[in-house]
N, C-alpha and C. Protein backbone atom coordinates (compact mmCIF):
# COMPACT_ATOMS: atom_id res chain seq x y z
N UNK A 1 0.85 -1.17 0.00
CA UNK A 1 0.00 0.00 0.00
C UNK A 1 0.90 1.23 0.00
N UNK A 2 0.51 2.21 -0.80
CA UNK A 2 1.27 3.46 -0.86
C UNK A 2 0.43 4.58 -0.25
N UNK A 3 1.06 5.33 0.64
CA UNK A 3 0.44 6.48 1.27
C UNK A 3 1.08 7.74 0.73
N UNK A 4 0.24 8.67 0.32
CA UNK A 4 0.69 10.04 0.05
C UNK A 4 0.21 10.86 1.23
N UNK A 5 1.16 11.51 1.92
CA UNK A 5 0.84 12.34 3.06
C UNK A 5 1.28 13.77 2.76
N UNK A 6 0.48 14.72 3.23
CA UNK A 6 0.89 16.12 3.10
C UNK A 6 0.13 16.98 4.07
N UNK A 7 0.70 18.15 4.30
CA UNK A 7 0.06 19.16 5.14
C UNK A 7 -0.48 20.25 4.24
N UNK A 8 -1.59 20.81 4.63
CA UNK A 8 -2.17 21.93 3.89
C UNK A 8 -1.53 23.23 4.37
N UNK A 9 -0.21 23.26 4.37
CA UNK A 9 0.54 24.40 4.88
C UNK A 9 1.84 24.56 4.12
N UNK A 10 2.22 25.80 3.82
CA UNK A 10 3.52 26.02 3.17
C UNK A 10 4.65 26.28 4.17
N UNK A 11 4.37 26.22 5.47
CA UNK A 11 5.39 26.50 6.46
C UNK A 11 6.52 25.47 6.39
N UNK A 12 7.75 25.96 6.42
CA UNK A 12 8.90 25.05 6.40
C UNK A 12 8.97 24.23 7.69
N UNK A 13 8.38 24.72 8.75
CA UNK A 13 8.34 24.02 10.03
C UNK A 13 6.91 23.65 10.39
N UNK A 14 6.15 23.23 9.41
CA UNK A 14 4.72 22.96 9.57
C UNK A 14 4.45 21.90 10.63
N UNK A 15 3.67 22.28 11.63
CA UNK A 15 3.26 21.31 12.64
C UNK A 15 2.30 20.29 12.03
N UNK A 16 1.57 20.69 11.01
CA UNK A 16 0.68 19.74 10.34
C UNK A 16 1.45 18.73 9.51
N UNK A 17 2.56 19.14 8.94
CA UNK A 17 3.42 18.19 8.23
C UNK A 17 4.01 17.19 9.21
N UNK A 18 4.39 17.67 10.40
CA UNK A 18 4.91 16.76 11.42
C UNK A 18 3.84 15.73 11.81
N UNK A 19 2.61 16.19 11.98
CA UNK A 19 1.53 15.27 12.33
C UNK A 19 1.24 14.28 11.20
N UNK A 20 1.18 14.76 9.98
CA UNK A 20 0.92 13.87 8.84
C UNK A 20 2.03 12.83 8.69
N UNK A 21 3.26 13.25 8.89
CA UNK A 21 4.40 12.34 8.79
C UNK A 21 4.32 11.28 9.89
N UNK A 22 4.05 11.72 11.10
CA UNK A 22 3.92 10.77 12.21
C UNK A 22 2.78 9.78 11.97
N UNK A 23 1.62 10.29 11.62
CA UNK A 23 0.45 9.43 11.42
C UNK A 23 0.73 8.40 10.32
N UNK A 24 1.34 8.82 9.24
CA UNK A 24 1.59 7.88 8.14
C UNK A 24 2.63 6.82 8.54
N UNK A 25 3.50 7.15 9.49
CA UNK A 25 4.50 6.17 9.95
C UNK A 25 3.86 5.05 10.78
N UNK A 26 2.64 5.25 11.25
CA UNK A 26 1.96 4.25 12.07
C UNK A 26 1.37 3.10 11.25
N UNK A 27 1.22 3.30 9.96
CA UNK A 27 0.67 2.26 9.09
C UNK A 27 1.76 1.23 8.81
N UNK A 28 1.41 -0.03 8.89
CA UNK A 28 2.38 -1.10 8.66
C UNK A 28 2.39 -1.52 7.19
N UNK A 29 3.56 -2.00 6.76
CA UNK A 29 3.73 -2.54 5.40
C UNK A 29 3.29 -1.55 4.34
N UNK A 30 3.77 -0.33 4.45
CA UNK A 30 3.40 0.71 3.49
C UNK A 30 4.63 1.42 2.97
N UNK A 31 4.45 2.00 1.83
CA UNK A 31 5.42 2.95 1.28
C UNK A 31 4.80 4.33 1.50
N UNK A 32 5.56 5.23 2.08
CA UNK A 32 5.04 6.56 2.39
C UNK A 32 5.84 7.60 1.62
N UNK A 33 5.12 8.50 0.97
CA UNK A 33 5.73 9.67 0.35
C UNK A 33 5.07 10.91 0.96
N UNK A 34 5.88 11.75 1.57
CA UNK A 34 5.38 12.97 2.18
C UNK A 34 5.65 14.12 1.22
N UNK A 35 4.57 14.76 0.79
CA UNK A 35 4.69 15.89 -0.13
C UNK A 35 4.84 17.19 0.67
N UNK A 36 5.47 18.16 0.03
CA UNK A 36 5.63 19.49 0.61
C UNK A 36 4.94 20.48 -0.34
N UNK A 37 3.98 21.22 0.17
CA UNK A 37 3.26 22.19 -0.69
C UNK A 37 4.20 23.19 -1.34
N UNK A 38 5.36 23.43 -0.74
CA UNK A 38 6.32 24.36 -1.33
C UNK A 38 6.85 23.86 -2.67
N UNK A 39 6.75 22.56 -2.91
CA UNK A 39 7.18 22.01 -4.20
C UNK A 39 6.12 22.20 -5.27
N UNK A 40 4.97 22.76 -4.88
CA UNK A 40 3.85 22.95 -5.81
C UNK A 40 3.37 24.40 -5.81
N UNK A 41 4.28 25.34 -5.60
CA UNK A 41 3.91 26.76 -5.57
C UNK A 41 3.57 27.24 -6.97
N UNK A 42 2.40 27.81 -7.07
CA UNK A 42 1.91 28.32 -8.35
C UNK A 42 1.42 29.75 -8.14
N UNK A 43 1.32 30.52 -9.23
CA UNK A 43 0.77 31.87 -9.06
C UNK A 43 -0.66 31.78 -8.55
N UNK A 44 -1.11 32.84 -7.92
CA UNK A 44 -2.47 32.89 -7.42
C UNK A 44 -3.42 32.62 -8.58
N UNK A 45 -4.30 31.62 -8.41
CA UNK A 45 -5.18 31.23 -9.49
C UNK A 45 -6.12 32.35 -9.88
N UNK A 46 -6.26 32.54 -11.17
CA UNK A 46 -7.32 33.38 -11.75
C UNK A 46 -7.58 32.87 -13.16
N UNK A 47 -8.78 33.08 -13.64
CA UNK A 47 -9.09 32.63 -15.00
C UNK A 47 -8.25 33.37 -16.03
N UNK A 48 -7.85 34.59 -15.71
CA UNK A 48 -7.00 35.35 -16.64
C UNK A 48 -5.63 34.71 -16.77
N UNK A 49 -5.04 34.32 -15.64
CA UNK A 49 -3.73 33.65 -15.69
C UNK A 49 -3.87 32.29 -16.36
N UNK A 50 -4.93 31.58 -16.04
CA UNK A 50 -5.16 30.29 -16.68
C UNK A 50 -5.28 30.44 -18.20
N UNK A 51 -5.98 31.47 -18.65
CA UNK A 51 -6.12 31.71 -20.10
C UNK A 51 -4.77 32.02 -20.73
N UNK A 52 -3.92 32.68 -19.97
CA UNK A 52 -2.60 33.07 -20.48
C UNK A 52 -1.62 31.90 -20.53
N UNK A 53 -1.59 31.08 -19.45
CA UNK A 53 -0.57 30.03 -19.38
C UNK A 53 -1.13 28.61 -19.53
N UNK A 54 -2.44 28.46 -19.42
CA UNK A 54 -3.03 27.12 -19.49
C UNK A 54 -2.90 26.39 -18.17
N UNK A 55 -2.99 25.08 -18.25
CA UNK A 55 -2.88 24.27 -17.04
C UNK A 55 -1.46 24.38 -16.49
N UNK A 56 -1.37 24.62 -15.21
CA UNK A 56 -0.04 24.76 -14.61
C UNK A 56 0.59 23.37 -14.45
N UNK A 57 1.84 23.21 -14.88
CA UNK A 57 2.47 21.88 -14.78
C UNK A 57 2.59 21.37 -13.35
N UNK A 58 2.69 22.26 -12.37
CA UNK A 58 2.78 21.79 -10.98
C UNK A 58 1.45 21.26 -10.49
N UNK A 59 0.36 21.76 -11.02
CA UNK A 59 -0.95 21.20 -10.68
C UNK A 59 -1.05 19.78 -11.23
N UNK A 60 -0.58 19.60 -12.46
CA UNK A 60 -0.55 18.25 -13.03
C UNK A 60 0.34 17.32 -12.21
N UNK A 61 1.47 17.84 -11.76
CA UNK A 61 2.40 17.03 -10.95
C UNK A 61 1.75 16.62 -9.63
N UNK A 62 1.02 17.54 -9.00
CA UNK A 62 0.33 17.23 -7.75
C UNK A 62 -0.70 16.13 -7.98
N UNK A 63 -1.49 16.27 -9.03
CA UNK A 63 -2.50 15.27 -9.36
C UNK A 63 -1.87 13.91 -9.67
N UNK A 64 -0.72 13.93 -10.32
CA UNK A 64 -0.02 12.67 -10.62
C UNK A 64 0.43 11.98 -9.33
N UNK A 65 0.88 12.76 -8.35
CA UNK A 65 1.26 12.18 -7.05
C UNK A 65 0.05 11.55 -6.38
N UNK A 66 -1.06 12.26 -6.37
CA UNK A 66 -2.29 11.72 -5.76
C UNK A 66 -2.68 10.40 -6.44
N UNK A 67 -2.51 10.33 -7.75
CA UNK A 67 -2.88 9.13 -8.50
C UNK A 67 -2.09 7.90 -8.07
N UNK A 68 -0.89 8.10 -7.52
CA UNK A 68 -0.06 6.95 -7.12
C UNK A 68 -0.45 6.38 -5.76
N UNK A 69 -1.34 7.06 -5.04
CA UNK A 69 -1.66 6.68 -3.67
C UNK A 69 -2.76 5.63 -3.60
N UNK A 70 -2.67 4.82 -2.55
CA UNK A 70 -3.77 3.96 -2.16
C UNK A 70 -4.55 4.60 -1.02
N UNK A 71 -3.87 5.50 -0.29
CA UNK A 71 -4.46 6.18 0.86
C UNK A 71 -3.82 7.56 0.98
N UNK A 72 -4.64 8.55 1.33
CA UNK A 72 -4.16 9.91 1.57
C UNK A 72 -4.21 10.20 3.07
N UNK A 73 -3.13 10.76 3.58
CA UNK A 73 -3.06 11.23 4.96
C UNK A 73 -2.83 12.73 4.86
N UNK A 74 -3.83 13.50 5.25
CA UNK A 74 -3.82 14.95 5.05
C UNK A 74 -4.05 15.63 6.39
N UNK A 75 -3.17 16.58 6.72
CA UNK A 75 -3.34 17.37 7.93
C UNK A 75 -3.37 18.84 7.54
N UNK A 76 -4.46 19.49 7.85
CA UNK A 76 -4.70 20.85 7.38
C UNK A 76 -4.32 21.91 8.41
N UNK A 77 -3.61 22.91 7.95
CA UNK A 77 -3.38 24.10 8.76
C UNK A 77 -4.65 24.92 8.75
N UNK A 78 -4.88 25.61 9.84
CA UNK A 78 -6.05 26.49 9.92
C UNK A 78 -5.56 27.94 9.96
N UNK A 79 -5.93 28.68 8.95
CA UNK A 79 -5.61 30.11 8.88
C UNK A 79 -6.90 30.89 8.94
N UNK A 80 -7.11 31.60 10.03
CA UNK A 80 -8.33 32.38 10.22
C UNK A 80 -9.58 31.54 10.01
N UNK A 81 -9.54 30.32 10.54
CA UNK A 81 -10.70 29.44 10.50
C UNK A 81 -10.92 28.72 9.18
N UNK A 82 -9.95 28.80 8.26
CA UNK A 82 -10.13 28.20 6.94
C UNK A 82 -8.82 27.56 6.48
N UNK A 83 -8.81 27.04 5.24
CA UNK A 83 -7.60 26.49 4.65
C UNK A 83 -6.54 27.58 4.53
N UNK A 84 -5.29 27.15 4.46
CA UNK A 84 -4.23 28.10 4.14
C UNK A 84 -4.41 28.53 2.68
N UNK A 85 -3.97 29.73 2.36
CA UNK A 85 -4.08 30.24 0.99
C UNK A 85 -3.30 29.33 0.02
N UNK A 86 -2.17 28.80 0.47
CA UNK A 86 -1.36 27.94 -0.39
C UNK A 86 -2.11 26.66 -0.76
N UNK A 87 -2.77 26.06 0.22
CA UNK A 87 -3.53 24.84 -0.06
C UNK A 87 -4.72 25.15 -0.96
N UNK A 88 -5.46 26.20 -0.64
CA UNK A 88 -6.62 26.57 -1.46
C UNK A 88 -6.20 26.84 -2.90
N UNK A 89 -5.06 27.48 -3.08
CA UNK A 89 -4.57 27.77 -4.42
C UNK A 89 -4.24 26.48 -5.17
N UNK A 90 -3.64 25.51 -4.49
CA UNK A 90 -3.35 24.22 -5.11
C UNK A 90 -4.65 23.55 -5.54
N UNK A 91 -5.65 23.57 -4.67
CA UNK A 91 -6.95 23.00 -5.00
C UNK A 91 -7.56 23.71 -6.21
N UNK A 92 -7.48 25.03 -6.23
CA UNK A 92 -8.06 25.79 -7.34
C UNK A 92 -7.42 25.41 -8.68
N UNK A 93 -6.09 25.35 -8.72
CA UNK A 93 -5.41 24.98 -9.97
C UNK A 93 -5.74 23.55 -10.36
N UNK A 94 -5.67 22.63 -9.41
CA UNK A 94 -5.92 21.21 -9.71
C UNK A 94 -7.35 20.96 -10.17
N UNK A 95 -8.30 21.65 -9.56
CA UNK A 95 -9.70 21.40 -9.90
C UNK A 95 -10.03 21.79 -11.33
N UNK A 96 -9.25 22.66 -11.91
CA UNK A 96 -9.47 23.05 -13.31
C UNK A 96 -9.01 21.96 -14.27
N UNK A 97 -8.16 21.07 -13.79
CA UNK A 97 -7.67 19.95 -14.60
C UNK A 97 -8.55 18.72 -14.35
N UNK A 98 -8.81 18.46 -13.07
CA UNK A 98 -9.59 17.29 -12.69
C UNK A 98 -10.40 17.66 -11.45
N UNK A 99 -11.69 17.77 -11.60
CA UNK A 99 -12.55 18.10 -10.48
C UNK A 99 -12.52 17.04 -9.39
N UNK A 100 -12.08 15.84 -9.74
CA UNK A 100 -11.93 14.76 -8.76
C UNK A 100 -10.49 14.75 -8.26
N UNK A 101 -10.11 15.82 -7.60
CA UNK A 101 -8.72 16.02 -7.17
C UNK A 101 -8.20 14.82 -6.40
N UNK A 102 -8.99 14.29 -5.49
CA UNK A 102 -8.51 13.21 -4.63
C UNK A 102 -8.74 11.82 -5.23
N UNK A 103 -9.30 11.77 -6.42
CA UNK A 103 -9.33 10.60 -7.29
C UNK A 103 -9.84 9.33 -6.60
N UNK A 104 -10.90 9.51 -5.81
CA UNK A 104 -11.57 8.38 -5.14
C UNK A 104 -10.69 7.67 -4.13
N UNK A 105 -9.64 8.31 -3.66
CA UNK A 105 -8.74 7.71 -2.67
C UNK A 105 -9.33 7.89 -1.27
N UNK A 106 -9.24 6.87 -0.43
CA UNK A 106 -9.66 7.03 0.96
C UNK A 106 -8.70 7.98 1.67
N UNK A 107 -9.21 8.65 2.72
CA UNK A 107 -8.41 9.67 3.38
C UNK A 107 -8.53 9.59 4.90
N UNK A 108 -7.39 9.80 5.54
CA UNK A 108 -7.35 10.12 6.96
C UNK A 108 -7.16 11.63 7.01
N UNK A 109 -8.16 12.33 7.49
CA UNK A 109 -8.16 13.79 7.54
C UNK A 109 -7.83 14.24 8.95
N UNK A 110 -6.86 15.14 9.06
CA UNK A 110 -6.42 15.60 10.38
C UNK A 110 -6.15 17.10 10.35
N UNK A 111 -5.98 17.63 11.55
CA UNK A 111 -5.52 19.00 11.73
C UNK A 111 -4.92 19.11 13.12
N UNK A 112 -4.00 20.05 13.25
CA UNK A 112 -3.48 20.42 14.55
C UNK A 112 -3.24 21.91 14.55
N UNK A 113 -3.14 22.46 15.75
CA UNK A 113 -2.84 23.88 15.90
C UNK A 113 -2.26 24.08 17.29
N UNK A 114 -1.65 25.24 17.51
CA UNK A 114 -1.15 25.52 18.86
C UNK A 114 -2.30 25.69 19.86
N UNK A 115 -3.49 25.98 19.38
CA UNK A 115 -4.64 26.23 20.25
C UNK A 115 -5.39 24.97 20.65
N UNK A 116 -6.26 25.15 21.60
CA UNK A 116 -7.02 24.03 22.19
C UNK A 116 -8.05 23.42 21.24
N UNK A 117 -8.42 24.13 20.17
CA UNK A 117 -9.44 23.59 19.26
C UNK A 117 -8.85 22.67 18.20
N UNK A 118 -7.53 22.68 18.04
CA UNK A 118 -6.87 21.73 17.14
C UNK A 118 -7.32 21.77 15.70
N UNK A 119 -7.63 22.96 15.20
CA UNK A 119 -8.04 23.07 13.80
C UNK A 119 -9.48 22.64 13.55
N UNK A 120 -10.32 22.73 14.56
CA UNK A 120 -11.71 22.26 14.44
C UNK A 120 -12.47 22.94 13.31
N UNK A 121 -12.24 24.22 13.11
CA UNK A 121 -12.99 24.94 12.06
C UNK A 121 -12.62 24.45 10.67
N UNK A 122 -11.32 24.29 10.41
CA UNK A 122 -10.91 23.85 9.08
C UNK A 122 -11.31 22.38 8.85
N UNK A 123 -11.31 21.57 9.90
CA UNK A 123 -11.76 20.19 9.75
C UNK A 123 -13.23 20.14 9.37
N UNK A 124 -14.03 20.98 9.97
CA UNK A 124 -15.46 21.01 9.64
C UNK A 124 -15.67 21.40 8.18
N UNK A 125 -14.94 22.40 7.72
CA UNK A 125 -15.04 22.82 6.32
C UNK A 125 -14.62 21.69 5.40
N UNK A 126 -13.50 21.05 5.71
CA UNK A 126 -12.98 19.98 4.87
C UNK A 126 -13.92 18.77 4.84
N UNK A 127 -14.47 18.40 6.00
CA UNK A 127 -15.40 17.26 6.04
C UNK A 127 -16.58 17.49 5.10
N UNK A 128 -17.03 18.71 5.00
CA UNK A 128 -18.16 19.02 4.12
C UNK A 128 -17.74 19.19 2.67
N UNK A 129 -16.53 19.65 2.44
CA UNK A 129 -16.08 20.03 1.10
C UNK A 129 -15.33 18.92 0.36
N UNK A 130 -14.48 18.19 1.03
CA UNK A 130 -13.60 17.23 0.35
C UNK A 130 -14.34 16.14 -0.41
N UNK A 131 -15.46 15.60 0.07
CA UNK A 131 -16.15 14.59 -0.73
C UNK A 131 -16.53 15.09 -2.13
N UNK A 132 -16.73 16.36 -2.29
CA UNK A 132 -17.02 16.93 -3.63
C UNK A 132 -15.84 16.77 -4.58
N UNK A 133 -14.66 16.59 -4.00
CA UNK A 133 -13.44 16.42 -4.79
C UNK A 133 -13.02 14.95 -4.84
N UNK A 134 -13.98 14.06 -4.60
CA UNK A 134 -13.82 12.62 -4.82
C UNK A 134 -12.87 11.95 -3.83
N UNK A 135 -13.22 12.03 -2.56
CA UNK A 135 -12.54 11.23 -1.55
C UNK A 135 -13.56 10.72 -0.57
N UNK A 136 -13.23 9.61 0.04
CA UNK A 136 -14.03 9.10 1.15
C UNK A 136 -13.20 9.32 2.41
N UNK A 137 -13.67 10.20 3.26
CA UNK A 137 -12.97 10.46 4.52
C UNK A 137 -13.30 9.30 5.45
N UNK A 138 -12.31 8.47 5.70
CA UNK A 138 -12.50 7.28 6.52
C UNK A 138 -12.45 7.60 8.01
N UNK A 139 -11.66 8.63 8.37
CA UNK A 139 -11.53 9.00 9.77
C UNK A 139 -11.02 10.43 9.86
N UNK A 140 -11.34 11.07 10.99
CA UNK A 140 -10.91 12.44 11.26
C UNK A 140 -10.23 12.45 12.63
N UNK A 141 -9.11 13.16 12.70
CA UNK A 141 -8.37 13.27 13.96
C UNK A 141 -7.90 14.70 14.14
N UNK A 142 -8.11 15.22 15.34
CA UNK A 142 -7.66 16.56 15.70
C UNK A 142 -6.68 16.46 16.86
N UNK A 143 -5.54 17.11 16.72
CA UNK A 143 -4.56 17.18 17.80
C UNK A 143 -4.54 18.60 18.34
N UNK A 144 -5.18 18.82 19.48
CA UNK A 144 -5.20 20.17 20.06
C UNK A 144 -3.86 20.51 20.70
N UNK A 145 -3.63 21.78 20.90
CA UNK A 145 -2.47 22.27 21.67
C UNK A 145 -1.19 21.52 21.27
N UNK A 146 -0.81 21.65 20.02
CA UNK A 146 0.33 20.91 19.46
C UNK A 146 1.55 20.96 20.36
N UNK A 147 1.91 22.14 20.82
CA UNK A 147 3.14 22.29 21.60
C UNK A 147 3.11 21.53 22.92
N UNK A 148 1.93 21.27 23.44
CA UNK A 148 1.79 20.51 24.68
C UNK A 148 1.64 19.01 24.44
N UNK A 149 1.27 18.61 23.23
CA UNK A 149 0.90 17.22 22.96
C UNK A 149 1.77 16.51 21.93
N UNK A 150 2.80 17.18 21.43
CA UNK A 150 3.66 16.56 20.42
C UNK A 150 5.11 16.84 20.78
N UNK A 151 5.92 15.80 20.77
CA UNK A 151 7.35 15.92 21.04
C UNK A 151 8.08 16.07 19.71
N UNK A 152 8.53 17.28 19.39
CA UNK A 152 9.15 17.53 18.08
C UNK A 152 10.53 16.89 17.96
N UNK A 153 11.19 16.63 19.07
CA UNK A 153 12.50 15.97 19.01
C UNK A 153 12.34 14.50 18.65
N UNK A 154 11.34 13.86 19.22
CA UNK A 154 11.09 12.44 18.93
C UNK A 154 10.13 12.24 17.78
N UNK A 155 9.45 13.31 17.36
CA UNK A 155 8.45 13.25 16.29
C UNK A 155 7.34 12.26 16.61
N UNK A 156 6.77 12.40 17.81
CA UNK A 156 5.66 11.54 18.24
C UNK A 156 4.67 12.38 19.04
N UNK A 157 3.44 11.89 19.10
CA UNK A 157 2.46 12.49 19.99
C UNK A 157 2.85 12.10 21.41
N UNK A 158 3.03 13.08 22.26
CA UNK A 158 3.49 12.83 23.63
C UNK A 158 2.35 12.59 24.61
N UNK A 159 1.14 12.94 24.24
CA UNK A 159 -0.02 12.70 25.09
C UNK A 159 -0.50 11.27 24.85
N UNK A 160 -0.38 10.40 25.86
CA UNK A 160 -0.71 8.98 25.65
C UNK A 160 -2.16 8.75 25.18
N UNK A 161 -3.09 9.51 25.71
CA UNK A 161 -4.50 9.32 25.32
C UNK A 161 -4.72 9.69 23.86
N UNK A 162 -4.17 10.82 23.44
CA UNK A 162 -4.32 11.24 22.04
C UNK A 162 -3.55 10.32 21.10
N UNK A 163 -2.39 9.87 21.53
CA UNK A 163 -1.61 8.94 20.71
C UNK A 163 -2.38 7.63 20.53
N UNK A 164 -2.99 7.16 21.59
CA UNK A 164 -3.79 5.94 21.52
C UNK A 164 -4.98 6.11 20.58
N UNK A 165 -5.63 7.28 20.63
CA UNK A 165 -6.76 7.55 19.73
C UNK A 165 -6.32 7.44 18.28
N UNK A 166 -5.18 8.07 17.95
CA UNK A 166 -4.71 8.02 16.57
C UNK A 166 -4.33 6.60 16.17
N UNK A 167 -3.68 5.89 17.05
CA UNK A 167 -3.29 4.51 16.73
C UNK A 167 -4.52 3.62 16.51
N UNK A 168 -5.58 3.84 17.26
CA UNK A 168 -6.83 3.08 17.04
C UNK A 168 -7.44 3.42 15.68
N UNK A 169 -7.37 4.69 15.32
CA UNK A 169 -7.87 5.10 13.99
C UNK A 169 -7.10 4.38 12.90
N UNK A 170 -5.79 4.37 13.02
CA UNK A 170 -4.93 3.72 12.02
C UNK A 170 -5.25 2.22 11.93
N UNK A 171 -5.46 1.57 13.06
CA UNK A 171 -5.81 0.14 13.05
C UNK A 171 -7.09 -0.10 12.27
N UNK A 172 -8.00 0.87 12.29
CA UNK A 172 -9.27 0.75 11.60
C UNK A 172 -9.16 0.76 10.08
N UNK A 173 -8.00 1.12 9.58
CA UNK A 173 -7.82 1.13 8.13
C UNK A 173 -7.44 -0.26 7.65
């Protein structure tokens, strides 16, 4: 089984990338590829730019990566209660090529934040929106208060209860 994991964040020190990487490491007998949104930076989507340059090759590259997956592990950053602009822009470019961005792949959807809500707002938006882009969200996990619940040196969830919750979710796949 191949997992494509990524964070909906362009931060070089993305806490969501750390969570996605950790979660994908919990799956047994898998090949994991962790994508970085910075490798898919495109100009801000507009129909005028699209008319000028056509389909952006990085959008095609992102879709090709998704096509190789058996499972998607996605952890979304929450910016002002919504997706990061970088992630939304990737979705906008990709959707013009293939409206089924997630290509019927099952997904573990997650979010984390420094705050106690753990990205609850962006998770709610994604749970309602992502099925329109052809994915089945198999499970949702929120890691609240990242700095209190994740050990960045060991790259693991340090809160035993939350770690156990995620491990149970992974077993369910």
